[in-house]
Amino acid sequence: FVRSQDMVDYVTDALITLLAEAETGKPRLLNCGFHLRIVGRPARLPALTGILAALDAHRDRIWIARRADIAAAFVAAIR
């Protein structure tokens, strides 16, 4: 992604697709990893803030979790 908005658009499109699939009863996972070497560049900070805003706009429909939280939920589900 050259421009920050391209990354925001990509993640937003993925989120919308996964939300639609989740409506059919299928659990979905959107994993966003940001390496400091990439997102730590000044011109890329708007991507991070834009993605966080997109996620926040859907907060009532999604679970925002750390990897450790996801692992704990998985372990609890299989017990």
C-alpha atoms as a PDB file:
ATOM      1  CA  PHE A   1       0.000   0.000   0.000  1.00  0.00           C
ATOM      2  CA  VAL A   2       1.522   3.252  -1.099  1.00  0.00           C
ATOM      3  CA  ARG A   3      -1.052   5.624   0.368  1.00  0.00           C
ATOM      4  CA  SER A   4      -2.567   5.367   3.836  1.00  0.00           C
ATOM      5  CA  GLN A   5      -6.106   5.573   2.491  1.00  0.00           C
ATOM      6  CA  ASP A   6      -5.472   2.467   0.362  1.00  0.00           C
ATOM      7  CA  MET A   7      -4.826   0.469   3.541  1.00  0.00           C
ATOM      8  CA  VAL A   8      -7.901   1.931   5.246  1.00  0.00           C
ATOM      9  CA  ASP A   9     -10.041   1.066   2.218  1.00  0.00           C
ATOM     10  CA  TYR A  10      -8.649  -2.473   2.085  1.00  0.00           C
ATOM     11  CA  VAL A  11      -9.310  -3.193   5.757  1.00  0.00           C
ATOM     12  CA  THR A  12     -12.749  -1.550   5.605  1.00  0.00           C
ATOM     13  CA  ASP A  13     -13.675  -3.689   2.582  1.00  0.00           C
ATOM     14  CA  ALA A  14     -12.489  -6.811   4.413  1.00  0.00           C
ATOM     15  CA  LEU A  15     -14.482  -5.837   7.497  1.00  0.00           C
ATOM     16  CA  ILE A  16     -17.675  -5.298   5.496  1.00  0.00           C
ATOM     17  CA  THR A  17     -17.216  -8.663   3.741  1.00  0.00           C
ATOM     18  CA  LEU A  18     -16.599 -10.507   7.006  1.00  0.00           C
ATOM     19  CA  LEU A  19     -19.590  -8.844   8.682  1.00  0.00           C
ATOM     20  CA  ALA A  20     -21.817 -10.003   5.801  1.00  0.00           C
ATOM     21  CA  GLU A  21     -20.457 -13.547   6.090  1.00  0.00           C
ATOM     22  CA  ALA A  22     -20.941 -13.483   9.860  1.00  0.00           C
ATOM     23  CA  GLU A  23     -24.632 -12.741   9.343  1.00  0.00           C
ATOM     24  CA  THR A  24     -24.949 -16.281   7.942  1.00  0.00           C
ATOM     25  CA  GLY A  25     -23.803 -17.630  11.291  1.00  0.00           C
ATOM     26  CA  LYS A  26     -20.177 -18.234  10.408  1.00  0.00           C
ATOM     27  CA  PRO A  27     -17.669 -16.808  12.892  1.00  0.00           C
ATOM     28  CA  ARG A  28     -15.021 -14.657  11.242  1.00  0.00           C
ATOM     29  CA  LEU A  29     -11.641 -13.206  12.172  1.00  0.00           C
ATOM     30  CA  LEU A  30      -9.990 -10.065  10.848  1.00  0.00           C
ATOM     31  CA  ASN A  31      -6.349  -9.986  11.871  1.00  0.00           C
ATOM     32  CA  CYS A  32      -4.576  -6.665  11.450  1.00  0.00           C
ATOM     33  CA  GLY A  33      -0.884  -6.710  12.216  1.00  0.00           C
ATOM     34  CA  PHE A  34       1.111  -3.508  12.076  1.00  0.00           C
ATOM     35  CA  HIS A  35       4.874  -3.682  12.262  1.00  0.00           C
ATOM     36  CA  LEU A  36       6.419  -0.540  13.705  1.00  0.00           C
ATOM     37  CA  ARG A  37       8.758  -0.286  10.733  1.00  0.00           C
ATOM     38  CA  ILE A  38       5.720   0.072   8.474  1.00  0.00           C
ATOM     39  CA  VAL A  39       3.095   1.939  10.483  1.00  0.00           C
ATOM     40  CA  GLY A  40       5.690   3.954  12.388  1.00  0.00           C
ATOM     41  CA  ARG A  41       6.347   6.148   9.384  1.00  0.00           C
ATOM     42  CA  PRO A  42       4.657   9.550   9.648  1.00  0.00           C
ATOM     43  CA  ALA A  43       2.760   9.227   6.371  1.00  0.00           C
ATOM     44  CA  ARG A  44       1.320   5.870   7.435  1.00  0.00           C
ATOM     45  CA  LEU A  45      -0.114   6.978  10.782  1.00  0.00           C
ATOM     46  CA  PRO A  46      -3.381   8.054   9.111  1.00  0.00           C
ATOM     47  CA  ALA A  47      -3.867   4.411   8.075  1.00  0.00           C
ATOM     48  CA  LEU A  48      -3.799   3.273  11.681  1.00  0.00           C
ATOM     49  CA  THR A  49      -6.143   6.002  12.871  1.00  0.00           C
ATOM     50  CA  GLY A  50      -8.485   5.411   9.933  1.00  0.00           C
ATOM     51  CA  ILE A  51      -8.645   1.676  10.581  1.00  0.00           C
ATOM     52  CA  LEU A  52      -9.289   2.215  14.277  1.00  0.00           C
ATOM     53  CA  ALA A  53     -12.128   4.604  13.365  1.00  0.00           C
ATOM     54  CA  ALA A  54     -13.623   2.024  10.979  1.00  0.00           C
ATOM     55  CA  LEU A  55     -13.501  -0.641  13.665  1.00  0.00           C
ATOM     56  CA  ASP A  56     -14.990   1.716  16.229  1.00  0.00           C
ATOM     57  CA  ALA A  57     -17.887   2.466  13.874  1.00  0.00           C
ATOM     58  CA  HIS A  58     -18.840  -1.223  14.065  1.00  0.00           C
ATOM     59  CA  ARG A  59     -18.067  -1.708  17.758  1.00  0.00           C
ATOM     60  CA  ASP A  60     -21.622  -2.906  18.456  1.00  0.00           C
ATOM     61  CA  ARG A  61     -21.167  -5.793  15.982  1.00  0.00           C
ATOM     62  CA  ILE A  62     -17.563  -6.846  16.509  1.00  0.00           C
ATOM     63  CA  TRP A  63     -15.277  -8.001  19.286  1.00  0.00           C
ATOM     64  CA  ILE A  64     -11.987  -6.144  19.309  1.00  0.00           C
ATOM     65  CA  ALA A  65      -9.523  -8.436  21.039  1.00  0.00           C
ATOM     66  CA  ARG A  66      -5.858  -9.077  21.517  1.00  0.00           C
ATOM     67  CA  ARG A  67      -4.414 -12.383  20.323  1.00  0.00           C
ATOM     68  CA  ALA A  68      -4.215 -13.580  23.927  1.00  0.00           C
ATOM     69  CA  ASP A  69      -7.951 -12.890  24.346  1.00  0.00           C
ATOM     70  CA  ILE A  70      -8.763 -14.874  21.206  1.00  0.00           C
ATOM     71  CA  ALA A  71      -6.623 -17.800  22.378  1.00  0.00           C
ATOM     72  CA  ALA A  72      -8.314 -17.797  25.794  1.00  0.00           C
ATOM     73  CA  ALA A  73     -11.765 -17.755  24.186  1.00  0.00           C
ATOM     74  CA  PHE A  74     -10.788 -20.659  21.944  1.00  0.00           C
ATOM     75  CA  VAL A  75      -9.497 -22.704  24.871  1.00  0.00           C
ATOM     76  CA  ALA A  76     -12.685 -21.977  26.835  1.00  0.00           C
ATOM     77  CA  ALA A  77     -14.829 -23.034  23.868  1.00  0.00           C
ATOM     78  CA  ILE A  78     -13.166 -26.422  23.432  1.00  0.00           C
ATOM     79  CA  ARG A  79     -13.318 -27.365  27.105  1.00  0.00           C
END
